[in-house]
Every structure is written in structure tokens, then in C-alpha cells.
């Protein structure tokens, strides 16, 4: 077990009511430069754990390694079509030029609205529609 109280996903999860779940955006792990640990794309799912008296005890979290999922999406292009995956901010998670994927993690942000201004509105509408769908389904999932 490792201390993660300063991490964003922990802070967001610890404030949730019992039974609710926080799902993070896909991001890269911090890695360990000394050990030359690679940065891995992960999705974090977390929920608070409370003591019987109602006080917070901690957070139960699972980090899902997204490498296989993103690789499968990358290889799924049909007929030579290019595949792009975006986060809610329009940053690339998958791009035909691998240097543009997760550029925001390295201070080299590459956004869909910079490269394809005509698709920026479409991407924003799709993200908003997905958020509304989650809200309507009332799973207690908070982005």
C-alpha cells in the first residue's frame, strides 16, 4: 500500500458520499526516472471507505492499465482511416503521430481544435452528450 493522499483522484474520491465512485480521466502514471519506469496510461476508479462512525478511513482505488485498450483502438482503423482518441479537453490520447499523444503530460499540448478546428465543436458536443447520458443513468460516477 502506498500513500496517495496528495493525488487528484484521492482528493476527489475522499469527498464523495459512501457508495459513490470517482472515475478519473486517462492520464500517464508519474513513473520513476531513477528506475527508468515507463509512464503508463491509466484510468483510476476510486471510492471512499468510511469507518462505522461515519468518519473517512481512506480510499479504495484501482488503476486500470489502458495500454492494451489504446493499442487495440490504434490498430482498429479500417481502410487506412486515421484514428484519434481525445480526452474531454480535446487533448490527444491516441494520434497517428505518437509524439502528439499525451503531449499535455509533457507540456507539449496538441489539441484537436488546433489541428482540426472544424471538429472542435463536434468533439465538445459529443463529450457533453456522454456526460448527460451518465447523469441520466445515475450511476454516481463523477468525472
Protein backbone atom coordinates (compact mmCIF):
# COMPACT_ATOMS: atom_id res chain seq x y z
CA UNK A 1 0.00 0.00 0.00
CA UNK A 2 1.27 3.43 -0.92
CA UNK A 3 0.33 6.89 0.31
CA UNK A 4 -1.55 8.79 -2.37
CA UNK A 5 -3.41 11.40 -0.32
CA UNK A 6 -1.96 14.27 -2.37
CA UNK A 7 -3.14 12.85 -5.69
CA UNK A 8 -6.07 14.40 -7.52
CA UNK A 9 -8.08 11.18 -7.73
CA UNK A 10 -7.72 10.63 -3.97
CA UNK A 11 -8.86 14.16 -3.18
CA UNK A 12 -11.89 13.81 -5.43
CA UNK A 13 -12.84 10.38 -4.09
CA UNK A 14 -12.44 11.14 -0.38
CA UNK A 15 -15.08 13.85 -0.63
CA UNK A 16 -17.74 11.57 -2.11
CA UNK A 17 -20.64 10.15 -0.12
CA UNK A 18 -20.48 6.44 0.76
CA UNK A 19 -21.25 4.22 -2.20
CA UNK A 20 -20.27 6.72 -4.90
CA UNK A 21 -17.40 6.16 -7.32
CA UNK A 22 -14.94 8.56 -8.93
CA UNK A 23 -13.62 7.73 -12.40
CA UNK A 24 -10.56 9.72 -13.46
CA UNK A 25 -9.60 10.90 -16.90
CA UNK A 26 -7.00 8.73 -18.61
CA UNK A 27 -3.56 10.05 -17.70
CA UNK A 28 0.00 8.83 -17.54
CA UNK A 29 1.44 7.49 -14.32
CA UNK A 30 4.25 9.58 -12.91
CA UNK A 31 6.86 6.87 -13.45
CA UNK A 32 10.21 6.72 -11.72
CA UNK A 33 13.06 8.34 -13.70
CA UNK A 34 15.72 6.78 -11.43
CA UNK A 35 14.38 3.28 -12.07
CA UNK A 36 13.59 4.17 -15.72
CA UNK A 37 9.99 3.14 -15.14
CA UNK A 38 7.85 3.93 -18.17
CA UNK A 39 4.87 6.22 -17.84
CA UNK A 40 1.75 4.14 -18.38
CA UNK A 41 -1.71 5.41 -19.41
CA UNK A 42 -4.16 4.60 -16.61
CA UNK A 43 -7.76 5.12 -15.68
CA UNK A 44 -8.34 5.32 -11.94
CA UNK A 45 -11.53 4.21 -10.24
CA UNK A 46 -11.84 5.17 -6.58
CA UNK A 47 -14.38 5.15 -3.79
CA UNK A 48 -14.18 6.39 -0.21
CA UNK A 49 -14.16 3.92 2.68
CA UNK A 50 -15.82 5.04 5.89
CA UNK A 51 -15.48 3.77 9.45
CA UNK A 52 -18.63 2.61 11.25
CA UNK A 53 -18.87 6.01 12.99
CA UNK A 54 -19.08 7.72 9.56
CA UNK A 55 -15.59 9.23 9.54
CA UNK A 56 -13.45 8.68 6.43
CA UNK A 57 -10.94 5.85 6.75
CA UNK A 58 -9.34 6.06 3.32
CA UNK A 59 -9.90 5.48 -0.37
CA UNK A 60 -10.02 2.21 -2.26
CA UNK A 61 -8.66 2.78 -5.74
CA UNK A 62 -7.87 0.68 -8.77
CA UNK A 63 -5.58 1.83 -11.56
CA UNK A 64 -6.51 0.25 -14.88
CA UNK A 65 -3.61 -0.07 -17.33
CA UNK A 66 -5.01 1.34 -20.58
CA UNK A 67 -2.10 0.37 -22.89
CA UNK A 68 -3.87 -2.67 -24.37
CA UNK A 69 -7.13 -0.75 -24.84
CA UNK A 70 -5.43 2.18 -26.58
CA UNK A 71 -3.30 -0.19 -28.70
CA UNK A 72 -6.41 -2.02 -29.81
CA UNK A 73 -8.12 1.24 -30.73
CA UNK A 74 -4.98 2.35 -32.63
CA UNK A 75 -4.92 -0.88 -34.64
CA UNK A 76 -8.67 -0.86 -35.37
CA UNK A 77 -8.54 1.62 -38.23
CA UNK A 78 -10.43 0.41 -41.26
CA UNK A 79 -9.37 1.08 -44.81
CA UNK A 80 -6.38 3.17 -43.81
CA UNK A 81 -8.50 5.62 -41.80
CA UNK A 82 -6.69 7.58 -39.12
CA UNK A 83 -7.73 7.02 -35.51
CA UNK A 84 -7.83 9.74 -32.86
CA UNK A 85 -8.88 9.48 -29.22
CA UNK A 86 -9.42 12.65 -27.20
CA UNK A 87 -9.95 13.50 -23.58
CA UNK A 88 -12.66 15.95 -22.52
CA UNK A 89 -10.30 18.90 -23.04
CA UNK A 90 -9.56 17.91 -26.66
CA UNK A 91 -6.05 16.61 -25.92
CA UNK A 92 -4.94 13.59 -27.91
CA UNK A 93 -4.67 10.23 -26.17
CA UNK A 94 -4.24 8.42 -29.50
CA UNK A 95 -2.93 10.14 -32.63
CA UNK A 96 -1.38 8.79 -35.85
CA UNK A 97 1.74 10.73 -34.82
CA UNK A 98 2.61 9.13 -31.44
CA UNK A 99 4.52 12.27 -30.39
CA UNK A 100 1.18 14.13 -30.14
CA UNK A 101 -0.45 11.56 -27.84
CA UNK A 102 -0.39 12.66 -24.19
CA UNK A 103 1.55 15.78 -25.16
CA UNK A 104 -0.30 17.64 -22.39
CA UNK A 105 1.56 15.45 -19.86
CA UNK A 106 4.88 16.82 -21.10
CA UNK A 107 3.99 20.49 -21.58
CA UNK A 108 3.58 20.00 -25.35
CA UNK A 109 -0.18 20.07 -25.64
CA UNK A 110 -1.66 19.12 -29.00
CA UNK A 111 -5.39 19.77 -29.27
CA UNK A 112 -7.92 18.61 -31.81
CA UNK A 113 -9.24 22.18 -32.20
CA UNK A 114 -5.77 23.36 -33.24
CA UNK A 115 -5.34 20.66 -35.86
CA UNK A 116 -8.99 20.29 -36.92
CA UNK A 117 -10.88 23.46 -35.95
CA UNK A 118 -14.00 22.24 -37.77
CA UNK A 119 -14.24 19.21 -35.44
CA UNK A 120 -13.77 21.04 -32.15
CA UNK A 121 -17.47 21.79 -31.76
CA UNK A 122 -18.40 18.20 -32.66
CA UNK A 123 -16.00 16.82 -30.04
CA UNK A 124 -17.32 19.19 -27.37
CA UNK A 125 -20.92 18.22 -28.17
CA UNK A 126 -20.04 14.50 -28.01
CA UNK A 127 -18.37 14.91 -24.59
CA UNK A 128 -21.32 16.91 -23.29
CA UNK A 129 -23.78 14.29 -24.59
CA UNK A 130 -21.80 11.50 -22.90
CA UNK A 131 -21.76 13.39 -19.58
CA UNK A 132 -25.54 13.93 -19.84
CA UNK A 133 -26.01 10.21 -20.53
CA UNK A 134 -24.02 9.30 -17.42
CA UNK A 135 -26.02 11.78 -15.37
CA UNK A 136 -29.30 10.33 -16.65
CA UNK A 137 -28.17 6.80 -15.83
CA UNK A 138 -27.40 7.97 -12.28
CA UNK A 139 -24.50 5.63 -11.63
CA UNK A 140 -22.97 8.03 -9.16
CA UNK A 141 -19.98 8.39 -11.47
CA UNK A 142 -18.32 11.80 -11.33
CA UNK A 143 -15.73 12.90 -13.88
